[in-house]
């Protein structure tokens, strides 16, 4: 409250504090929804455009974004390669597919799934290093999440 912000932006993790934050300053919830990632991003950009009086600029940027997504989608679908999104965190591996928090890779950008049976759980489907070796012939996207001050990536 000492800072006296003009506006506060929050995402899903802070949503429970919305009412309290809104007492301090107008609070805008910017969130992305699994399965509707691009729709959520565009909605968030439009909100920001209104807040900062940059609606025309945002409209132009959304058009560029749409064009880029179409271009990536075309290249991904013509490439004949499949994709696997993997997150490595604290020594464990998880794979993510459609409907997950990384579903944009398949749903919006058009990369075919390397494994149609991946569970859409919030924290992904636990996988082994053997699974990765089995899928190594495909393009795979590796997201590494290292906890602050607990980072030991030497393993």
C-alpha atoms as a PDB file:
ATOM      1  CA  UNK A   1       0.000   0.000   0.000  1.00  0.00           C
ATOM      2  CA  UNK A   2       2.979   2.312   0.550  1.00  0.00           C
ATOM      3  CA  UNK A   3       3.905   2.067  -3.129  1.00  0.00           C
ATOM      4  CA  UNK A   4       0.500   3.380  -4.284  1.00  0.00           C
ATOM      5  CA  UNK A   5       0.391   1.670  -7.689  1.00  0.00           C
ATOM      6  CA  UNK A   6      -1.887   2.988 -10.438  1.00  0.00           C
ATOM      7  CA  UNK A   7      -2.816  -0.552 -11.423  1.00  0.00           C
ATOM      8  CA  UNK A   8      -1.969  -4.103 -10.368  1.00  0.00           C
ATOM      9  CA  UNK A   9      -1.703  -6.995 -12.826  1.00  0.00           C
ATOM     10  CA  UNK A  10      -2.173 -10.545 -11.570  1.00  0.00           C
ATOM     11  CA  UNK A  11      -2.370 -14.030 -13.033  1.00  0.00           C
ATOM     12  CA  UNK A  12      -3.926 -17.286 -11.867  1.00  0.00           C
ATOM     13  CA  UNK A  13      -1.580 -17.816  -8.929  1.00  0.00           C
ATOM     14  CA  UNK A  14      -2.590 -14.492  -7.372  1.00  0.00           C
ATOM     15  CA  UNK A  15      -6.317 -14.724  -8.168  1.00  0.00           C
ATOM     16  CA  UNK A  16      -7.265 -15.564  -4.570  1.00  0.00           C
ATOM     17  CA  UNK A  17      -5.806 -12.204  -3.531  1.00  0.00           C
ATOM     18  CA  UNK A  18      -7.823 -10.262  -6.128  1.00  0.00           C
ATOM     19  CA  UNK A  19     -10.277  -8.632  -3.685  1.00  0.00           C
ATOM     20  CA  UNK A  20      -7.515  -7.572  -1.306  1.00  0.00           C
ATOM     21  CA  UNK A  21      -5.320  -6.221  -4.111  1.00  0.00           C
ATOM     22  CA  UNK A  22      -8.264  -4.398  -5.661  1.00  0.00           C
ATOM     23  CA  UNK A  23      -8.581  -2.397  -2.422  1.00  0.00           C
ATOM     24  CA  UNK A  24      -5.053  -1.079  -3.025  1.00  0.00           C
ATOM     25  CA  UNK A  25      -5.457  -0.248  -6.734  1.00  0.00           C
ATOM     26  CA  UNK A  26      -7.523  -1.323  -9.730  1.00  0.00           C
ATOM     27  CA  UNK A  27      -6.505  -4.937 -10.325  1.00  0.00           C
ATOM     28  CA  UNK A  28      -6.548  -6.622 -13.705  1.00  0.00           C
ATOM     29  CA  UNK A  29      -6.484 -10.391 -13.986  1.00  0.00           C
ATOM     30  CA  UNK A  30      -4.365 -11.561 -16.936  1.00  0.00           C
ATOM     31  CA  UNK A  31      -4.585 -15.307 -17.303  1.00  0.00           C
ATOM     32  CA  UNK A  32      -4.079 -17.902 -19.991  1.00  0.00           C
ATOM     33  CA  UNK A  33      -6.444 -20.807 -20.314  1.00  0.00           C
ATOM     34  CA  UNK A  34      -5.274 -24.289 -21.281  1.00  0.00           C
ATOM     35  CA  UNK A  35      -6.780 -25.202 -24.628  1.00  0.00           C
ATOM     36  CA  UNK A  36      -7.477 -21.537 -25.426  1.00  0.00           C
ATOM     37  CA  UNK A  37      -3.992 -20.119 -25.142  1.00  0.00           C
ATOM     38  CA  UNK A  38      -3.958 -17.753 -28.117  1.00  0.00           C
ATOM     39  CA  UNK A  39      -7.486 -16.554 -27.382  1.00  0.00           C
ATOM     40  CA  UNK A  40      -6.368 -15.770 -23.818  1.00  0.00           C
ATOM     41  CA  UNK A  41      -3.205 -14.001 -24.970  1.00  0.00           C
ATOM     42  CA  UNK A  42      -5.167 -11.813 -27.379  1.00  0.00           C
ATOM     43  CA  UNK A  43      -7.708 -10.965 -24.687  1.00  0.00           C
ATOM     44  CA  UNK A  44      -4.888 -10.011 -22.305  1.00  0.00           C
ATOM     45  CA  UNK A  45      -3.235  -7.856 -24.962  1.00  0.00           C
ATOM     46  CA  UNK A  46      -6.542  -6.079 -25.610  1.00  0.00           C
ATOM     47  CA  UNK A  47      -6.917  -5.381 -21.876  1.00  0.00           C
ATOM     48  CA  UNK A  48      -3.409  -3.932 -21.803  1.00  0.00           C
ATOM     49  CA  UNK A  49      -4.159  -1.864 -24.898  1.00  0.00           C
ATOM     50  CA  UNK A  50      -7.132  -0.292 -23.125  1.00  0.00           C
ATOM     51  CA  UNK A  51      -5.191   0.374 -19.918  1.00  0.00           C
ATOM     52  CA  UNK A  52      -2.315   2.068 -21.731  1.00  0.00           C
ATOM     53  CA  UNK A  53      -4.432   3.677 -24.469  1.00  0.00           C
ATOM     54  CA  UNK A  54      -2.643   1.666 -27.167  1.00  0.00           C
ATOM     55  CA  UNK A  55      -5.603  -0.142 -28.710  1.00  0.00           C
ATOM     56  CA  UNK A  56      -4.628   0.552 -32.339  1.00  0.00           C
ATOM     57  CA  UNK A  57      -1.054  -0.568 -31.701  1.00  0.00           C
ATOM     58  CA  UNK A  58      -2.281  -3.764 -30.006  1.00  0.00           C
ATOM     59  CA  UNK A  59      -4.675  -4.486 -32.876  1.00  0.00           C
ATOM     60  CA  UNK A  60      -1.726  -4.296 -35.303  1.00  0.00           C
ATOM     61  CA  UNK A  61       0.447  -6.484 -33.077  1.00  0.00           C
ATOM     62  CA  UNK A  62      -2.307  -9.105 -32.771  1.00  0.00           C
ATOM     63  CA  UNK A  63      -2.525  -9.197 -36.577  1.00  0.00           C
ATOM     64  CA  UNK A  64       1.251  -9.796 -36.749  1.00  0.00           C
ATOM     65  CA  UNK A  65       0.938 -12.490 -34.090  1.00  0.00           C
ATOM     66  CA  UNK A  66      -1.867 -14.212 -36.020  1.00  0.00           C
ATOM     67  CA  UNK A  67       0.222 -14.114 -39.201  1.00  0.00           C
ATOM     68  CA  UNK A  68       3.222 -15.608 -37.381  1.00  0.00           C
ATOM     69  CA  UNK A  69       1.105 -18.391 -35.888  1.00  0.00           C
ATOM     70  CA  UNK A  70      -0.312 -19.222 -39.340  1.00  0.00           C
ATOM     71  CA  UNK A  71       3.209 -19.325 -40.796  1.00  0.00           C
ATOM     72  CA  UNK A  72       4.512 -21.589 -38.019  1.00  0.00           C
ATOM     73  CA  UNK A  73       1.433 -23.802 -38.321  1.00  0.00           C
ATOM     74  CA  UNK A  74       1.976 -24.206 -42.065  1.00  0.00           C
ATOM     75  CA  UNK A  75       5.661 -25.078 -41.623  1.00  0.00           C
ATOM     76  CA  UNK A  76       4.923 -27.447 -38.743  1.00  0.00           C
ATOM     77  CA  UNK A  77       2.234 -29.327 -40.653  1.00  0.00           C
ATOM     78  CA  UNK A  78       4.357 -29.573 -43.816  1.00  0.00           C
ATOM     79  CA  UNK A  79       7.529 -30.607 -41.980  1.00  0.00           C
ATOM     80  CA  UNK A  80       6.558 -34.218 -41.408  1.00  0.00           C
ATOM     81  CA  UNK A  81       7.984 -34.103 -37.887  1.00  0.00           C
ATOM     82  CA  UNK A  82       6.222 -34.702 -34.606  1.00  0.00           C
ATOM     83  CA  UNK A  83       6.805 -32.853 -31.350  1.00  0.00           C
ATOM     84  CA  UNK A  84       7.036 -33.773 -27.710  1.00  0.00           C
ATOM     85  CA  UNK A  85       7.000 -31.152 -24.959  1.00  0.00           C
ATOM     86  CA  UNK A  86       8.984 -32.240 -21.911  1.00  0.00           C
ATOM     87  CA  UNK A  87       9.526 -30.431 -18.636  1.00  0.00           C
ATOM     88  CA  UNK A  88      12.484 -31.441 -16.476  1.00  0.00           C
ATOM     89  CA  UNK A  89      12.057 -30.424 -12.863  1.00  0.00           C
ATOM     90  CA  UNK A  90      13.962 -31.574  -9.807  1.00  0.00           C
ATOM     91  CA  UNK A  91      15.161 -34.793 -11.448  1.00  0.00           C
ATOM     92  CA  UNK A  92      11.757 -35.787 -12.812  1.00  0.00           C
ATOM     93  CA  UNK A  93      10.479 -35.638 -16.386  1.00  0.00           C
ATOM     94  CA  UNK A  94       6.928 -34.910 -17.501  1.00  0.00           C
ATOM     95  CA  UNK A  95       5.446 -34.908 -21.004  1.00  0.00           C
ATOM     96  CA  UNK A  96       2.683 -32.530 -22.046  1.00  0.00           C
ATOM     97  CA  UNK A  97       0.153 -32.863 -24.861  1.00  0.00           C
ATOM     98  CA  UNK A  98      -2.997 -31.218 -26.131  1.00  0.00           C
ATOM     99  CA  UNK A  99      -5.109 -29.520 -23.484  1.00  0.00           C
ATOM    100  CA  UNK A 100      -2.114 -29.039 -21.202  1.00  0.00           C
ATOM    101  CA  UNK A 101      -0.464 -25.792 -20.193  1.00  0.00           C
ATOM    102  CA  UNK A 102       1.908 -26.268 -23.145  1.00  0.00           C
ATOM    103  CA  UNK A 103      -0.866 -27.337 -25.526  1.00  0.00           C
ATOM    104  CA  UNK A 104      -0.197 -24.279 -27.690  1.00  0.00           C
ATOM    105  CA  UNK A 105       2.624 -26.229 -29.355  1.00  0.00           C
ATOM    106  CA  UNK A 106       0.138 -28.722 -30.798  1.00  0.00           C
ATOM    107  CA  UNK A 107      -3.188 -26.879 -30.771  1.00  0.00           C
ATOM    108  CA  UNK A 108      -2.171 -23.460 -32.052  1.00  0.00           C
ATOM    109  CA  UNK A 109       1.231 -23.901 -33.665  1.00  0.00           C
ATOM    110  CA  UNK A 110       0.265 -27.154 -35.383  1.00  0.00           C
ATOM    111  CA  UNK A 111       3.065 -29.496 -34.376  1.00  0.00           C
ATOM    112  CA  UNK A 112       1.681 -33.058 -34.524  1.00  0.00           C
ATOM    113  CA  UNK A 113       1.885 -35.031 -31.268  1.00  0.00           C
ATOM    114  CA  UNK A 114       4.571 -37.688 -31.063  1.00  0.00           C
ATOM    115  CA  UNK A 115       2.394 -39.624 -28.630  1.00  0.00           C
ATOM    116  CA  UNK A 116      -1.390 -39.325 -28.845  1.00  0.00           C
ATOM    117  CA  UNK A 117      -1.769 -41.015 -25.444  1.00  0.00           C
ATOM    118  CA  UNK A 118      -0.141 -38.350 -23.265  1.00  0.00           C
ATOM    119  CA  UNK A 119      -2.323 -37.534 -20.264  1.00  0.00           C
ATOM    120  CA  UNK A 120      -3.416 -33.878 -20.054  1.00  0.00           C
ATOM    121  CA  UNK A 121      -2.827 -33.626 -16.292  1.00  0.00           C
ATOM    122  CA  UNK A 122      -1.894 -30.204 -14.928  1.00  0.00           C
ATOM    123  CA  UNK A 123       1.639 -31.332 -14.128  1.00  0.00           C
ATOM    124  CA  UNK A 124       1.969 -33.521 -17.198  1.00  0.00           C
ATOM    125  CA  UNK A 125       2.440 -37.236 -17.499  1.00  0.00           C
ATOM    126  CA  UNK A 126       5.456 -38.634 -15.678  1.00  0.00           C
ATOM    127  CA  UNK A 127       7.880 -40.208 -18.141  1.00  0.00           C
ATOM    128  CA  UNK A 128      11.229 -41.980 -17.970  1.00  0.00           C
ATOM    129  CA  UNK A 129      14.510 -41.254 -19.685  1.00  0.00           C
ATOM    130  CA  UNK A 130      13.933 -44.471 -21.658  1.00  0.00           C
ATOM    131  CA  UNK A 131      10.726 -42.962 -23.013  1.00  0.00           C
ATOM    132  CA  UNK A 132      12.694 -39.911 -24.180  1.00  0.00           C
ATOM    133  CA  UNK A 133      15.327 -42.112 -25.865  1.00  0.00           C
ATOM    134  CA  UNK A 134      12.523 -43.982 -27.631  1.00  0.00           C
ATOM    135  CA  UNK A 135      11.119 -40.668 -28.923  1.00  0.00           C
ATOM    136  CA  UNK A 136      14.500 -39.031 -29.677  1.00  0.00           C
ATOM    137  CA  UNK A 137      14.028 -39.324 -33.438  1.00  0.00           C
ATOM    138  CA  UNK A 138      11.373 -36.615 -33.297  1.00  0.00           C
ATOM    139  CA  UNK A 139      11.639 -32.918 -32.607  1.00  0.00           C
ATOM    140  CA  UNK A 140      11.182 -32.382 -28.918  1.00  0.00           C
ATOM    141  CA  UNK A 141      10.910 -29.254 -26.914  1.00  0.00           C
ATOM    142  CA  UNK A 142      12.506 -29.342 -23.511  1.00  0.00           C
ATOM    143  CA  UNK A 143      11.376 -26.988 -20.798  1.00  0.00           C
ATOM    144  CA  UNK A 144      13.692 -26.962 -17.847  1.00  0.00           C
ATOM    145  CA  UNK A 145      12.305 -25.592 -14.658  1.00  0.00           C
ATOM    146  CA  UNK A 146      14.922 -25.157 -11.941  1.00  0.00           C
ATOM    147  CA  UNK A 147      13.859 -24.035  -8.506  1.00  0.00           C
ATOM    148  CA  UNK A 148      15.589 -20.863  -7.372  1.00  0.00           C
ATOM    149  CA  UNK A 149      18.433 -21.529  -4.909  1.00  0.00           C
ATOM    150  CA  UNK A 150      17.891 -25.261  -5.334  1.00  0.00           C
ATOM    151  CA  UNK A 151      19.390 -25.461  -8.785  1.00  0.00           C
ATOM    152  CA  UNK A 152      21.726 -28.404  -9.228  1.00  0.00           C
ATOM    153  CA  UNK A 153      21.762 -29.194 -12.910  1.00  0.00           C
ATOM    154  CA  UNK A 154      24.979 -31.230 -12.732  1.00  0.00           C
ATOM    155  CA  UNK A 155      23.048 -34.508 -12.474  1.00  0.00           C
END
